[in-house]
Protein backbone atom coordinates (compact mmCIF):
# COMPACT_ATOMS: atom_id res chain seq x y z
CA MET A 1 190.74 -159.15 123.57
CA GLY A 2 190.20 -159.99 127.22
CA LYS A 3 191.90 -162.23 129.69
CA PRO A 4 191.95 -165.95 128.68
CA LEU A 5 189.58 -168.32 130.47
CA VAL A 6 192.40 -170.62 131.59
CA SER A 7 196.16 -170.17 131.63
CA LEU A 8 198.46 -171.96 129.23
CA ARG A 9 199.84 -174.04 132.11
CA THR A 10 196.35 -175.22 133.10
CA ALA A 11 195.49 -176.08 129.51
CA VAL A 12 198.68 -178.13 129.09
CA ILE A 13 198.16 -180.01 132.37
CA LEU A 14 194.54 -180.85 131.59
CA THR A 15 195.39 -181.88 128.02
CA LEU A 16 198.13 -184.23 129.20
CA GLY A 17 195.79 -185.63 131.86
CA THR A 18 193.12 -186.23 129.24
CA LEU A 19 195.60 -188.02 126.99
CA ALA A 20 196.80 -190.22 129.86
CA GLY A 21 193.24 -191.05 130.91
CA THR A 22 192.18 -191.84 127.36
CA GLY A 23 195.20 -194.07 126.81
CA ALA A 24 194.60 -195.95 130.03
CA GLY A 25 190.92 -196.33 129.19
CA ILE A 26 191.61 -197.71 125.73
CA LEU A 27 194.17 -200.20 127.00
CA THR A 28 191.83 -201.28 129.80
CA TYR A 29 188.95 -201.77 127.37
CA LEU A 30 191.11 -203.84 125.04
CA GLY A 31 192.11 -206.02 127.98
CA SER A 32 188.81 -206.46 129.79
CA ARG A 33 185.95 -205.40 127.46
CA SER A 34 184.22 -203.93 130.51
CA ALA A 35 182.85 -200.39 130.30
CA ALA A 36 182.85 -199.94 134.09
CA ASN A 37 186.51 -200.96 134.41
CA THR A 38 187.40 -198.73 131.48
CA ILE A 39 185.78 -195.66 133.03
CA LEU A 40 187.32 -196.26 136.45
CA ALA A 41 190.80 -196.80 135.00
CA GLY A 42 190.51 -193.70 132.81
CA GLU A 43 189.36 -191.52 135.69
CA ALA A 44 192.10 -192.80 137.98
CA ALA A 45 194.76 -192.23 135.33
CA PHE A 46 193.42 -188.72 134.63
CA ALA A 47 193.50 -187.79 138.32
CA GLY A 48 196.98 -189.22 138.84
CA ALA A 49 198.35 -187.56 135.73
CA VAL A 50 196.90 -184.15 136.59
CA PHE A 51 198.31 -184.37 140.11
CA SER A 52 201.73 -185.44 138.79
CA PHE A 53 201.92 -182.87 136.01
CA ASN A 54 200.74 -180.13 138.36
CA THR A 55 203.65 -181.00 140.65
CA VAL A 56 206.24 -181.26 137.87
CA ILE A 57 205.29 -178.37 135.59
CA ASN A 58 206.09 -174.93 136.98
């Protein structure tokens, strides 16, 4: 078995970012019913969460 494609730390950070982005997207869609707003909110939440978790998780 070879070296893993991504480290465990990277997988955790990206998973948490995906969950945060999905949650923000769902809540935005329920509030505005706009696909464009939903995508923008989800992307912004994903980026912010990944940045934050990358800083916090060592």
